Amino acid sequence: MAHRVLRIGVLGGGSWGTTVANLVAARAPTILWARDAAVAREIAERHSNERYLPGARLSKALRATADIGEAVSNADVLVIGVPSQGMRQTAIEVRRHIRPWVPVISLAKGFETDTGLRMTQVIGQELPGHPLGVLTGPNLAGEILAGMAAASVLAMEDEVIVAELQRLFRGGLFRVYTNTDLTGSELGGALKNVFAIAAGMGDGLGAGFNTRSALLTRSIAEMTRLGVALGGRPETFTGLTGLGDLITTCTSPLSRNRTVGFELGKGRSLQDIIAGMNQVAEGVKSSGPIYQAAKALGIEVPIITEVYRVVHEGRSPSSAFRGLLRRGAGSEAEPG
């Protein structure tokens, strides 16, 4: 791939889609598509997105549209940042406009509820023949827009294409590393959301720092055990897309998944919590497919199991934590 100016289409006007589009616009002509015409108009005319990124100023170089064809038809690289449960429909809409062989990069961290598929698997079914990748890591949109130092991973199976596209996303204090373990990188980003709900529940219940540390340590062991069984490489889960993302999502008050867990721990109902959020907490929906995948593989995942029971079966957070604490402790290498 020659070093020419690439045109970028970014789909999804939420906080992370807008942030990535803003980053890329500094290096290449970029059009952001938002399904909500009012959001697209605000980004294009006022260079802001107050609904998802209050107070942030966006680059004047970033264009925006509510016409998906305008964002896709001339794109040399397509980035999709819509919620996981909307990924398939978005890919179907893209199919009418995308040119052959255009790389498609997912920003979503979740699984399709009905199929249990990862996002690049969903995209691959609807857009066959396109190189697929994921941009993932410990990335809170507001901090990155504010210019704080951060690091991410661009994962693709083709090491030539991933190295070429790396330069599009990195810049300033935003460092982007490459990884050819697409499966493991994508799994880490999706699995950590469920563990963040568990961490939030502990904080909401008033658990201490020792409890949080133990939970995070056992979470990374559980993530690695299941992630490797699902096809990821073990070292990926100790990197930015596994451990790095897990720490940020489980400890930051800006994390949507931790917030859900925290409010559950405080005694609020899941329905009430979700109704009050203007963005998706992916771990709520992902906990079902993850739990079912682990069950099918015979992999012990005690933390995921307790989150699943709270979210899908109405178990109380206090009962879930008591269930974890009652488990016998054997070797550190064992589940539990």
C-alpha atoms as a PDB file:
ATOM      1  CA  MET A   1       0.000   0.000   0.000  1.00  0.00           C
ATOM      2  CA  ALA A   2       1.630   3.281  -1.117  1.00  0.00           C
ATOM      3  CA  HIS A   3       1.949   6.251   1.226  1.00  0.00           C
ATOM      4  CA  ARG A   4      -0.786   8.320  -0.343  1.00  0.00           C
ATOM      5  CA  VAL A   5      -3.465  10.357   1.364  1.00  0.00           C
ATOM      6  CA  LEU A   6      -6.211   7.980   2.422  1.00  0.00           C
ATOM      7  CA  ARG A   7      -9.827   9.052   2.789  1.00  0.00           C
ATOM      8  CA  ILE A   8     -11.450   7.848   5.993  1.00  0.00           C
ATOM      9  CA  GLY A   9     -15.091   7.153   6.796  1.00  0.00           C
ATOM     10  CA  VAL A  10     -16.079   6.779  10.447  1.00  0.00           C
ATOM     11  CA  LEU A  11     -19.527   5.436  11.329  1.00  0.00           C
ATOM     12  CA  GLY A  12     -21.003   6.275  14.734  1.00  0.00           C
ATOM     13  CA  GLY A  13     -21.439   9.673  16.349  1.00  0.00           C
ATOM     14  CA  GLY A  14     -21.128   8.523  19.988  1.00  0.00           C
ATOM     15  CA  SER A  15     -18.260   9.505  22.268  1.00  0.00           C
ATOM     16  CA  TRP A  16     -15.642   7.033  20.994  1.00  0.00           C
ATOM     17  CA  GLY A  17     -16.603   7.196  17.300  1.00  0.00           C
ATOM     18  CA  THR A  18     -16.426  10.986  17.412  1.00  0.00           C
ATOM     19  CA  THR A  19     -13.102  10.929  19.280  1.00  0.00           C
ATOM     20  CA  VAL A  20     -11.484   8.550  16.783  1.00  0.00           C
ATOM     21  CA  ALA A  21     -12.816  10.573  13.856  1.00  0.00           C
ATOM     22  CA  ASN A  22     -11.377  13.710  15.425  1.00  0.00           C
ATOM     23  CA  LEU A  23      -7.973  12.023  15.845  1.00  0.00           C
ATOM     24  CA  VAL A  24      -7.873  10.728  12.289  1.00  0.00           C
ATOM     25  CA  ALA A  25      -9.042  14.058  10.813  1.00  0.00           C
ATOM     26  CA  ALA A  26      -5.667  15.528  11.801  1.00  0.00           C
ATOM     27  CA  ARG A  27      -3.941  13.146   9.383  1.00  0.00           C
ATOM     28  CA  ALA A  28      -6.429  12.377   6.603  1.00  0.00           C
ATOM     29  CA  PRO A  29      -9.662  13.689   5.056  1.00  0.00           C
ATOM     30  CA  THR A  30     -12.360  12.251   7.331  1.00  0.00           C
ATOM     31  CA  ILE A  31     -16.144  12.098   7.222  1.00  0.00           C
ATOM     32  CA  LEU A  32     -18.077  11.049  10.319  1.00  0.00           C
ATOM     33  CA  TRP A  33     -21.545   9.543   9.899  1.00  0.00           C
ATOM     34  CA  ALA A  34     -24.079   9.944  12.715  1.00  0.00           C
ATOM     35  CA  ARG A  35     -27.489   8.334  12.438  1.00  0.00           C
ATOM     36  CA  ASP A  36     -28.997  11.315  14.287  1.00  0.00           C
ATOM     37  CA  ALA A  37     -29.065  14.215  11.794  1.00  0.00           C
ATOM     38  CA  ALA A  38     -28.970  16.765  14.632  1.00  0.00           C
ATOM     39  CA  VAL A  39     -25.718  15.287  15.955  1.00  0.00           C
ATOM     40  CA  ALA A  40     -24.176  15.298  12.468  1.00  0.00           C
ATOM     41  CA  ARG A  41     -25.230  18.896  11.908  1.00  0.00           C
ATOM     42  CA  GLU A  42     -23.792  20.032  15.247  1.00  0.00           C
ATOM     43  CA  ILE A  43     -20.432  18.369  14.536  1.00  0.00           C
ATOM     44  CA  ALA A  44     -20.272  19.858  11.033  1.00  0.00           C
ATOM     45  CA  GLU A  45     -21.397  23.370  11.922  1.00  0.00           C
ATOM     46  CA  ARG A  46     -20.421  23.950  15.553  1.00  0.00           C
ATOM     47  CA  HIS A  47     -17.517  21.487  15.875  1.00  0.00           C
ATOM     48  CA  SER A  48     -18.944  19.997  19.042  1.00  0.00           C
ATOM     49  CA  ASN A  49     -20.972  16.979  20.186  1.00  0.00           C
ATOM     50  CA  GLU A  50     -22.586  18.120  23.416  1.00  0.00           C
ATOM     51  CA  ARG A  51     -24.766  15.041  23.806  1.00  0.00           C
ATOM     52  CA  TYR A  52     -21.850  12.616  23.999  1.00  0.00           C
ATOM     53  CA  LEU A  53     -18.802  14.832  24.630  1.00  0.00           C
ATOM     54  CA  PRO A  54     -19.996  17.875  26.573  1.00  0.00           C
ATOM     55  CA  GLY A  55     -17.575  20.779  26.516  1.00  0.00           C
ATOM     56  CA  ALA A  56     -15.203  19.243  23.953  1.00  0.00           C
ATOM     57  CA  ARG A  57     -14.035  21.158  20.898  1.00  0.00           C
ATOM     58  CA  LEU A  58     -13.658  19.170  17.669  1.00  0.00           C
ATOM     59  CA  SER A  59     -11.378  19.771  14.713  1.00  0.00           C
ATOM     60  CA  LYS A  60     -12.728  22.056  12.007  1.00  0.00           C
ATOM     61  CA  ALA A  61     -11.226  19.611   9.516  1.00  0.00           C
ATOM     62  CA  LEU A  62     -13.705  16.905  10.582  1.00  0.00           C
ATOM     63  CA  ARG A  63     -16.716  16.680   8.276  1.00  0.00           C
ATOM     64  CA  ALA A  64     -19.974  15.038   9.357  1.00  0.00           C
ATOM     65  CA  THR A  65     -23.072  13.718   7.617  1.00  0.00           C
ATOM     66  CA  ALA A  66     -26.306  11.836   8.280  1.00  0.00           C
ATOM     67  CA  ASP A  67     -26.004  10.170   4.838  1.00  0.00           C
ATOM     68  CA  ILE A  68     -24.173   6.854   5.281  1.00  0.00           C
ATOM     69  CA  GLY A  69     -23.421   6.642   1.557  1.00  0.00           C
ATOM     70  CA  GLU A  70     -21.535   9.941   1.684  1.00  0.00           C
ATOM     71  CA  ALA A  71     -19.272   8.630   4.445  1.00  0.00           C
ATOM     72  CA  VAL A  72     -18.673   5.213   2.877  1.00  0.00           C
ATOM     73  CA  SER A  73     -18.639   5.489  -0.912  1.00  0.00           C
ATOM     74  CA  ASN A  74     -15.268   7.247  -1.284  1.00  0.00           C
ATOM     75  CA  ALA A  75     -13.589   5.853   1.836  1.00  0.00           C
ATOM     76  CA  ASP A  76     -10.240   4.085   1.519  1.00  0.00           C
ATOM     77  CA  VAL A  77     -10.550   2.936   5.137  1.00  0.00           C
ATOM     78  CA  LEU A  78     -13.816   2.466   7.031  1.00  0.00           C
ATOM     79  CA  VAL A  79     -14.041   2.661  10.838  1.00  0.00           C
ATOM     80  CA  ILE A  80     -17.252   1.436  12.506  1.00  0.00           C
ATOM     81  CA  GLY A  81     -18.016   2.667  16.017  1.00  0.00           C
ATOM     82  CA  VAL A  82     -21.664   1.741  16.525  1.00  0.00           C
ATOM     83  CA  PRO A  83     -22.911  -0.342  19.510  1.00  0.00           C
ATOM     84  CA  SER A  84     -22.471  -4.097  19.155  1.00  0.00           C
ATOM     85  CA  GLN A  85     -26.162  -4.898  18.717  1.00  0.00           C
ATOM     86  CA  GLY A  86     -26.366  -2.435  15.809  1.00  0.00           C
ATOM     87  CA  MET A  87     -23.226  -3.668  14.057  1.00  0.00           C
ATOM     88  CA  ARG A  88     -24.869  -6.171  11.691  1.00  0.00           C
ATOM     89  CA  GLN A  89     -27.532  -3.758  10.463  1.00  0.00           C
ATOM     90  CA  THR A  90     -24.903  -1.068   9.935  1.00  0.00           C
ATOM     91  CA  ALA A  91     -22.715  -3.487   7.965  1.00  0.00           C
ATOM     92  CA  ILE A  92     -25.724  -4.394   5.811  1.00  0.00           C
ATOM     93  CA  GLU A  93     -26.289  -0.688   5.070  1.00  0.00           C
ATOM     94  CA  VAL A  94     -22.581  -0.278   4.270  1.00  0.00           C
ATOM     95  CA  ARG A  95     -22.651  -3.122   1.743  1.00  0.00           C
ATOM     96  CA  ARG A  96     -24.428  -0.992  -0.878  1.00  0.00           C
ATOM     97  CA  HIS A  97     -21.778   1.734  -0.780  1.00  0.00           C
ATOM     98  CA  ILE A  98     -18.353   0.292   0.081  1.00  0.00           C
ATOM     99  CA  ARG A  99     -15.723  -0.290  -2.602  1.00  0.00           C
ATOM    100  CA  PRO A 100     -13.909  -3.669  -2.850  1.00  0.00           C
ATOM    101  CA  TRP A 101     -11.007  -4.502  -0.520  1.00  0.00           C
ATOM    102  CA  VAL A 102     -11.448  -1.437   1.713  1.00  0.00           C
ATOM    103  CA  PRO A 103     -10.148  -2.274   5.237  1.00  0.00           C
ATOM    104  CA  VAL A 104     -12.843  -2.139   7.943  1.00  0.00           C
ATOM    105  CA  ILE A 105     -11.846  -1.348  11.540  1.00  0.00           C
ATOM    106  CA  SER A 106     -14.248  -1.999  14.435  1.00  0.00           C
ATOM    107  CA  LEU A 107     -14.333   0.131  17.578  1.00  0.00           C
ATOM    108  CA  ALA A 108     -17.065  -1.888  19.309  1.00  0.00           C
ATOM    109  CA  LYS A 109     -16.308  -4.023  22.376  1.00  0.00           C
ATOM    110  CA  GLY A 110     -18.989  -6.655  22.618  1.00  0.00           C
ATOM    111  CA  PHE A 111     -20.644  -9.750  21.191  1.00  0.00           C
ATOM    112  CA  GLU A 112     -23.762 -10.115  19.086  1.00  0.00           C
ATOM    113  CA  THR A 113     -26.422 -11.373  21.480  1.00  0.00           C
ATOM    114  CA  ASP A 114     -28.174 -13.822  19.142  1.00  0.00           C
ATOM    115  CA  THR A 115     -25.060 -15.456  17.703  1.00  0.00           C
ATOM    116  CA  GLY A 116     -22.311 -14.869  20.272  1.00  0.00           C
ATOM    117  CA  LEU A 117     -20.065 -13.635  17.458  1.00  0.00           C
ATOM    118  CA  ARG A 118     -17.316 -11.049  17.859  1.00  0.00           C
ATOM    119  CA  MET A 119     -17.784  -7.819  15.942  1.00  0.00           C
ATOM    120  CA  THR A 120     -15.232  -8.552  13.203  1.00  0.00           C
ATOM    121  CA  GLN A 121     -16.941 -11.914  12.681  1.00  0.00           C
ATOM    122  CA  VAL A 122     -20.268 -10.120  12.206  1.00  0.00           C
ATOM    123  CA  ILE A 123     -18.692  -7.619   9.816  1.00  0.00           C
ATOM    124  CA  GLY A 124     -16.965 -10.438   7.933  1.00  0.00           C
ATOM    125  CA  GLN A 125     -20.273 -12.196   7.341  1.00  0.00           C
ATOM    126  CA  GLU A 126     -21.881  -9.081   5.874  1.00  0.00           C
ATOM    127  CA  LEU A 127     -18.800  -7.627   4.135  1.00  0.00           C
ATOM    128  CA  PRO A 128     -16.761 -10.612   2.888  1.00  0.00           C
ATOM    129  CA  GLY A 129     -13.442  -9.909   1.216  1.00  0.00           C
ATOM    130  CA  HIS A 130     -12.507  -6.862   3.300  1.00  0.00           C
ATOM    131  CA  PRO A 131      -9.435  -6.825   5.587  1.00  0.00           C
ATOM    132  CA  LEU A 132     -10.764  -6.587   9.137  1.00  0.00           C
ATOM    133  CA  GLY A 133      -9.325  -5.075  12.283  1.00  0.00           C
ATOM    134  CA  VAL A 134     -10.093  -3.617  15.698  1.00  0.00           C
ATOM    135  CA  LEU A 135      -8.838  -0.511  17.493  1.00  0.00           C
ATOM    136  CA  THR A 136      -9.014  -1.295  21.192  1.00  0.00           C
ATOM    137  CA  GLY A 137      -7.386  -0.594  24.542  1.00  0.00           C
ATOM    138  CA  PRO A 138      -7.717   1.512  27.706  1.00  0.00           C
ATOM    139  CA  ASN A 139      -9.215   4.544  25.987  1.00  0.00           C
ATOM    140  CA  LEU A 140     -11.628   6.904  27.747  1.00  0.00           C
ATOM    141  CA  ALA A 141     -12.836   9.280  25.046  1.00  0.00           C
ATOM    142  CA  GLY A 142     -12.947  12.430  27.162  1.00  0.00           C
ATOM    143  CA  GLU A 143      -9.362  12.065  28.345  1.00  0.00           C
ATOM    144  CA  ILE A 144      -8.057  11.521  24.817  1.00  0.00           C
ATOM    145  CA  LEU A 145      -9.925  14.567  23.471  1.00  0.00           C
ATOM    146  CA  ALA A 146      -8.456  16.582  26.337  1.00  0.00           C
ATOM    147  CA  GLY A 147      -4.975  15.662  25.085  1.00  0.00           C
ATOM    148  CA  MET A 148      -4.014  13.294  27.917  1.00  0.00           C
ATOM    149  CA  ALA A 149      -1.483  10.565  27.154  1.00  0.00           C
ATOM    150  CA  ALA A 150      -3.019   7.219  26.182  1.00  0.00           C
ATOM    151  CA  ALA A 151      -2.170   4.046  24.301  1.00  0.00           C
ATOM    152  CA  SER A 152      -4.216   1.727  22.120  1.00  0.00           C
ATOM    153  CA  VAL A 153      -3.783  -1.311  19.893  1.00  0.00           C
ATOM    154  CA  LEU A 154      -4.660  -1.697  16.240  1.00  0.00           C
ATOM    155  CA  ALA A 155      -5.075  -5.436  15.663  1.00  0.00           C
ATOM    156  CA  MET A 156      -5.277  -7.067  12.237  1.00  0.00           C
ATOM    157  CA  GLU A 157      -4.151 -10.455  10.997  1.00  0.00           C
ATOM    158  CA  ASP A 158      -2.244  -8.932   8.045  1.00  0.00           C
ATOM    159  CA  GLU A 159       0.972  -7.423   9.452  1.00  0.00           C
ATOM    160  CA  VAL A 160       1.593  -5.319   6.331  1.00  0.00           C
ATOM    161  CA  ILE A 161      -1.826  -3.632   6.341  1.00  0.00           C
ATOM    162  CA  VAL A 162      -1.815  -3.093  10.110  1.00  0.00           C
ATOM    163  CA  ALA A 163       1.578  -1.375   9.960  1.00  0.00           C
ATOM    164  CA  GLU A 164       0.350   0.896   7.156  1.00  0.00           C
ATOM    165  CA  LEU A 165      -2.846   1.869   8.957  1.00  0.00           C
ATOM    166  CA  GLN A 166      -1.096   2.395  12.301  1.00  0.00           C
ATOM    167  CA  ARG A 167       0.092   5.847  11.208  1.00  0.00           C
ATOM    168  CA  LEU A 168      -3.496   7.005  10.653  1.00  0.00           C
ATOM    169  CA  PHE A 169      -4.479   6.618  14.291  1.00  0.00           C
ATOM    170  CA  ARG A 170      -1.351   7.541  16.238  1.00  0.00           C
ATOM    171  CA  GLY A 171      -0.338  11.087  16.931  1.00  0.00           C
ATOM    172  CA  GLY A 172       0.682  13.427  19.729  1.00  0.00           C
ATOM    173  CA  LEU A 173       0.275  11.688  23.084  1.00  0.00           C
ATOM    174  CA  PHE A 174      -1.961   8.966  21.619  1.00  0.00           C
ATOM    175  CA  ARG A 175       0.290   5.955  21.012  1.00  0.00           C
ATOM    176  CA  VAL A 176      -0.946   3.097  18.838  1.00  0.00           C
ATOM    177  CA  TYR A 177       0.718  -0.316  18.904  1.00  0.00           C
ATOM    178  CA  THR A 178       0.056  -3.139  16.445  1.00  0.00           C
ATOM    179  CA  ASN A 179      -0.917  -6.743  17.124  1.00  0.00           C
ATOM    180  CA  THR A 180      -1.690  -9.580  14.707  1.00  0.00           C
ATOM    181  CA  ASP A 181      -3.794 -11.430  17.311  1.00  0.00           C
ATOM    182  CA  LEU A 182      -7.123 -10.028  16.148  1.00  0.00           C
ATOM    183  CA  THR A 183      -9.132 -12.628  18.081  1.00  0.00           C
ATOM    184  CA  GLY A 184      -7.387 -12.090  21.412  1.00  0.00           C
ATOM    185  CA  SER A 185      -7.368  -8.298  21.112  1.00  0.00           C
ATOM    186  CA  GLU A 186     -11.075  -8.222  20.352  1.00  0.00           C
ATOM    187  CA  LEU A 187     -11.919 -10.681  23.131  1.00  0.00           C
ATOM    188  CA  GLY A 188     -10.026  -8.678  25.760  1.00  0.00           C
ATOM    189  CA  GLY A 189     -11.994  -5.533  24.963  1.00  0.00           C
ATOM    190  CA  ALA A 190     -15.318  -7.358  25.171  1.00  0.00           C
ATOM    191  CA  LEU A 191     -14.625  -9.548  28.210  1.00  0.00           C
ATOM    192  CA  LYS A 192     -13.353  -6.749  30.444  1.00  0.00           C
ATOM    193  CA  ASN A 193     -16.766  -5.027  30.321  1.00  0.00           C
ATOM    194  CA  VAL A 194     -18.312  -7.874  32.296  1.00  0.00           C
ATOM    195  CA  PHE A 195     -15.530  -7.769  34.892  1.00  0.00           C
ATOM    196  CA  ALA A 196     -16.045  -4.000  35.167  1.00  0.00           C
ATOM    197  CA  ILE A 197     -19.652  -4.601  36.197  1.00  0.00           C
ATOM    198  CA  ALA A 198     -18.367  -6.921  38.934  1.00  0.00           C
ATOM    199  CA  ALA A 199     -15.812  -4.337  40.091  1.00  0.00           C
ATOM    200  CA  GLY A 200     -18.477  -1.641  40.149  1.00  0.00           C
ATOM    201  CA  MET A 201     -20.783  -3.841  42.215  1.00  0.00           C
ATOM    202  CA  GLY A 202     -18.008  -4.313  44.765  1.00  0.00           C
ATOM    203  CA  ASP A 203     -17.412  -0.561  44.988  1.00  0.00           C
ATOM    204  CA  GLY A 204     -21.149   0.091  45.292  1.00  0.00           C
ATOM    205  CA  LEU A 205     -21.366  -2.417  48.125  1.00  0.00           C
ATOM    206  CA  GLY A 206     -18.528  -0.643  49.922  1.00  0.00           C
ATOM    207  CA  ALA A 207     -15.817  -3.261  49.375  1.00  0.00           C
ATOM    208  CA  GLY A 208     -12.259  -2.139  50.069  1.00  0.00           C
ATOM    209  CA  PHE A 209      -9.159  -1.742  47.922  1.00  0.00           C
ATOM    210  CA  ASN A 210      -7.966  -5.223  48.866  1.00  0.00           C
ATOM    211  CA  THR A 211     -11.199  -6.666  47.506  1.00  0.00           C
ATOM    212  CA  ARG A 212     -10.896  -4.677  44.275  1.00  0.00           C
ATOM    213  CA  SER A 213      -7.286  -5.784  43.799  1.00  0.00           C
ATOM    214  CA  ALA A 214      -8.200  -9.431  44.355  1.00  0.00           C
ATOM    215  CA  LEU A 215     -11.144  -9.138  41.955  1.00  0.00           C
ATOM    216  CA  LEU A 216      -9.039  -7.544  39.191  1.00  0.00           C
ATOM    217  CA  THR A 217      -6.293 -10.137  39.577  1.00  0.00           C
ATOM    218  CA  ARG A 218      -8.722 -13.026  39.404  1.00  0.00           C
ATOM    219  CA  SER A 219     -10.494 -11.306  36.494  1.00  0.00           C
ATOM    220  CA  ILE A 220      -7.351 -11.268  34.364  1.00  0.00           C
ATOM    221  CA  ALA A 221      -6.810 -14.965  35.130  1.00  0.00           C
ATOM    222  CA  GLU A 222     -10.412 -15.702  34.135  1.00  0.00           C
ATOM    223  CA  MET A 223     -10.169 -13.520  31.009  1.00  0.00           C
ATOM    224  CA  THR A 224      -6.995 -15.316  29.906  1.00  0.00           C
ATOM    225  CA  ARG A 225      -8.399 -18.780  30.579  1.00  0.00           C
ATOM    226  CA  LEU A 226     -11.528 -18.143  28.534  1.00  0.00           C
ATOM    227  CA  GLY A 227      -9.817 -15.967  25.913  1.00  0.00           C
ATOM    228  CA  VAL A 228      -7.239 -18.629  25.088  1.00  0.00           C
ATOM    229  CA  ALA A 229      -9.986 -21.264  24.842  1.00  0.00           C
ATOM    230  CA  LEU A 230     -11.764 -18.984  22.350  1.00  0.00           C
ATOM    231  CA  GLY A 231      -8.644 -18.645  20.176  1.00  0.00           C
ATOM    232  CA  GLY A 232      -6.632 -15.734  21.591  1.00  0.00           C
ATOM    233  CA  ARG A 233      -2.928 -15.789  22.435  1.00  0.00           C
ATOM    234  CA  PRO A 234      -2.160 -15.747  26.194  1.00  0.00           C
ATOM    235  CA  GLU A 235       0.292 -12.831  26.007  1.00  0.00           C
ATOM    236  CA  THR A 236      -2.386 -10.603  24.450  1.00  0.00           C
ATOM    237  CA  PHE A 237      -4.396 -10.637  27.678  1.00  0.00           C
ATOM    238  CA  THR A 238      -1.501  -9.205  29.703  1.00  0.00           C
ATOM    239  CA  GLY A 239      -1.176  -6.285  27.281  1.00  0.00           C
ATOM    240  CA  LEU A 240      -3.123  -3.115  26.592  1.00  0.00           C
ATOM    241  CA  THR A 241      -6.192  -4.854  25.168  1.00  0.00           C
ATOM    242  CA  GLY A 242      -6.505  -7.155  28.184  1.00  0.00           C
ATOM    243  CA  LEU A 243      -4.956  -6.034  31.468  1.00  0.00           C
ATOM    244  CA  GLY A 244      -4.645  -2.388  30.401  1.00  0.00           C
ATOM    245  CA  ASP A 245      -8.271  -2.048  29.364  1.00  0.00           C
ATOM    246  CA  LEU A 246      -9.404  -4.047  32.398  1.00  0.00           C
ATOM    247  CA  ILE A 247      -7.690  -1.671  34.866  1.00  0.00           C
ATOM    248  CA  THR A 248      -9.160   1.454  33.282  1.00  0.00           C
ATOM    249  CA  THR A 249     -12.669   0.084  32.912  1.00  0.00           C
ATOM    250  CA  CYS A 250     -12.804  -1.414  36.398  1.00  0.00           C
ATOM    251  CA  THR A 251     -11.476   1.642  38.248  1.00  0.00           C
ATOM    252  CA  SER A 252     -12.583   4.784  36.396  1.00  0.00           C
ATOM    253  CA  PRO A 253     -15.802   6.581  37.392  1.00  0.00           C
ATOM    254  CA  LEU A 254     -16.078   7.464  33.675  1.00  0.00           C
ATOM    255  CA  SER A 255     -16.532   3.775  32.782  1.00  0.00           C
ATOM    256  CA  ARG A 256     -20.132   3.021  31.801  1.00  0.00           C
ATOM    257  CA  ASN A 257     -19.869  -0.658  32.744  1.00  0.00           C
ATOM    258  CA  ARG A 258     -18.369   0.073  36.153  1.00  0.00           C
ATOM    259  CA  THR A 259     -21.118   2.659  36.670  1.00  0.00           C
ATOM    260  CA  VAL A 260     -23.798   0.044  35.985  1.00  0.00           C
ATOM    261  CA  GLY A 261     -22.198  -2.260  38.552  1.00  0.00           C
ATOM    262  CA  PHE A 262     -21.763   0.544  41.076  1.00  0.00           C
ATOM    263  CA  GLU A 263     -25.427   1.535  40.854  1.00  0.00           C
ATOM    264  CA  LEU A 264     -26.491  -2.122  41.110  1.00  0.00           C
ATOM    265  CA  GLY A 265     -24.385  -2.392  44.253  1.00  0.00           C
ATOM    266  CA  LYS A 266     -26.172   0.664  45.628  1.00  0.00           C
ATOM    267  CA  GLY A 267     -29.480  -1.133  45.182  1.00  0.00           C
ATOM    268  CA  ARG A 268     -30.878   0.413  41.996  1.00  0.00           C
ATOM    269  CA  SER A 269     -32.608  -1.807  39.432  1.00  0.00           C
ATOM    270  CA  LEU A 270     -30.866  -2.578  36.157  1.00  0.00           C
ATOM    271  CA  GLN A 271     -33.829  -1.249  34.169  1.00  0.00           C
ATOM    272  CA  ASP A 272     -33.705   2.066  36.018  1.00  0.00           C
ATOM    273  CA  ILE A 273     -29.925   2.398  35.564  1.00  0.00           C
ATOM    274  CA  ILE A 274     -30.027   1.732  31.814  1.00  0.00           C
ATOM    275  CA  ALA A 275     -32.975   4.115  31.332  1.00  0.00           C
ATOM    276  CA  GLY A 276     -30.858   6.918  32.775  1.00  0.00           C
ATOM    277  CA  MET A 277     -27.855   6.357  30.448  1.00  0.00           C
ATOM    278  CA  ASN A 278     -27.496   7.966  27.019  1.00  0.00           C
ATOM    279  CA  GLN A 279     -24.869   5.450  25.869  1.00  0.00           C
ATOM    280  CA  VAL A 280     -24.629   1.664  25.877  1.00  0.00           C
ATOM    281  CA  ALA A 281     -22.877  -0.315  28.620  1.00  0.00           C
ATOM    282  CA  GLU A 282     -21.780  -3.256  26.460  1.00  0.00           C
ATOM    283  CA  GLY A 283     -21.139  -5.626  29.364  1.00  0.00           C
ATOM    284  CA  VAL A 284     -24.848  -5.922  30.140  1.00  0.00           C
ATOM    285  CA  LYS A 285     -25.644  -7.528  26.781  1.00  0.00           C
ATOM    286  CA  SER A 286     -22.273  -9.293  26.438  1.00  0.00           C
ATOM    287  CA  SER A 287     -22.581 -11.175  29.726  1.00  0.00           C
ATOM    288  CA  GLY A 288     -25.112 -13.578  28.165  1.00  0.00           C
ATOM    289  CA  PRO A 289     -23.066 -14.740  25.138  1.00  0.00           C
ATOM    290  CA  ILE A 290     -19.862 -14.854  27.223  1.00  0.00           C
ATOM    291  CA  TYR A 291     -21.462 -16.998  29.917  1.00  0.00           C
ATOM    292  CA  GLN A 292     -22.959 -19.355  27.308  1.00  0.00           C
ATOM    293  CA  ALA A 293     -19.630 -19.650  25.456  1.00  0.00           C
ATOM    294  CA  ALA A 294     -17.789 -20.546  28.660  1.00  0.00           C
ATOM    295  CA  LYS A 295     -20.470 -23.070  29.578  1.00  0.00           C
ATOM    296  CA  ALA A 296     -20.274 -24.701  26.142  1.00  0.00           C
ATOM    297  CA  LEU A 297     -16.483 -24.992  26.443  1.00  0.00           C
ATOM    298  CA  GLY A 298     -16.587 -26.253  30.029  1.00  0.00           C
ATOM    299  CA  ILE A 299     -14.457 -23.329  31.231  1.00  0.00           C
ATOM    300  CA  GLU A 300     -14.936 -22.241  34.862  1.00  0.00           C
ATOM    301  CA  VAL A 301     -15.675 -18.506  35.003  1.00  0.00           C
ATOM    302  CA  PRO A 302     -16.964 -17.731  38.523  1.00  0.00           C
ATOM    303  CA  ILE A 303     -16.905 -13.921  38.165  1.00  0.00           C
ATOM    304  CA  ILE A 304     -18.651 -13.925  34.787  1.00  0.00           C
ATOM    305  CA  THR A 305     -21.187 -16.409  36.166  1.00  0.00           C
ATOM    306  CA  GLU A 306     -22.099 -14.175  39.111  1.00  0.00           C
ATOM    307  CA  VAL A 307     -22.456 -11.104  36.868  1.00  0.00           C
ATOM    308  CA  TYR A 308     -24.661 -13.127  34.515  1.00  0.00           C
ATOM    309  CA  ARG A 309     -26.878 -14.157  37.433  1.00  0.00           C
ATOM    310  CA  VAL A 310     -27.251 -10.574  38.619  1.00  0.00           C
ATOM    311  CA  VAL A 311     -27.979  -9.165  35.158  1.00  0.00           C
ATOM    312  CA  HIS A 312     -30.115 -11.965  33.719  1.00  0.00           C
ATOM    313  CA  GLU A 313     -31.526 -13.846  36.707  1.00  0.00           C
ATOM    314  CA  GLY A 314     -32.134 -11.069  39.237  1.00  0.00           C
ATOM    315  CA  ARG A 315     -29.570 -12.233  41.816  1.00  0.00           C
ATOM    316  CA  SER A 316     -28.612  -9.461  44.231  1.00  0.00           C
ATOM    317  CA  PRO A 317     -25.053  -8.036  44.049  1.00  0.00           C
ATOM    318  CA  SER A 318     -24.496  -8.851  47.734  1.00  0.00           C
ATOM    319  CA  SER A 319     -25.447 -12.496  47.097  1.00  0.00           C
ATOM    320  CA  ALA A 320     -23.136 -12.574  44.086  1.00  0.00           C
ATOM    321  CA  PHE A 321     -20.196 -11.379  46.147  1.00  0.00           C
ATOM    322  CA  ARG A 322     -20.989 -13.807  48.941  1.00  0.00           C
ATOM    323  CA  GLY A 323     -21.029 -16.543  46.288  1.00  0.00           C
ATOM    324  CA  LEU A 324     -17.555 -15.586  45.113  1.00  0.00           C
ATOM    325  CA  LEU A 325     -16.185 -15.409  48.661  1.00  0.00           C
ATOM    326  CA  ARG A 326     -17.596 -18.833  49.549  1.00  0.00           C
ATOM    327  CA  ARG A 327     -15.624 -20.513  46.780  1.00  0.00           C
ATOM    328  CA  GLY A 328     -12.740 -22.570  48.099  1.00  0.00           C
ATOM    329  CA  ALA A 329      -9.274 -21.184  47.364  1.00  0.00           C
ATOM    330  CA  GLY A 330      -6.866 -23.737  45.942  1.00  0.00           C
ATOM    331  CA  SER A 331      -3.774 -23.101  43.836  1.00  0.00           C
ATOM    332  CA  GLU A 332      -3.550 -19.604  42.330  1.00  0.00           C
ATOM    333  CA  ALA A 333      -3.337 -21.275  38.915  1.00  0.00           C
ATOM    334  CA  GLU A 334      -6.801 -22.793  39.385  1.00  0.00           C
ATOM    335  CA  PRO A 335     -10.186 -21.124  38.715  1.00  0.00           C
ATOM    336  CA  GLY A 336     -11.833 -19.452  41.700  1.00  0.00           C
END
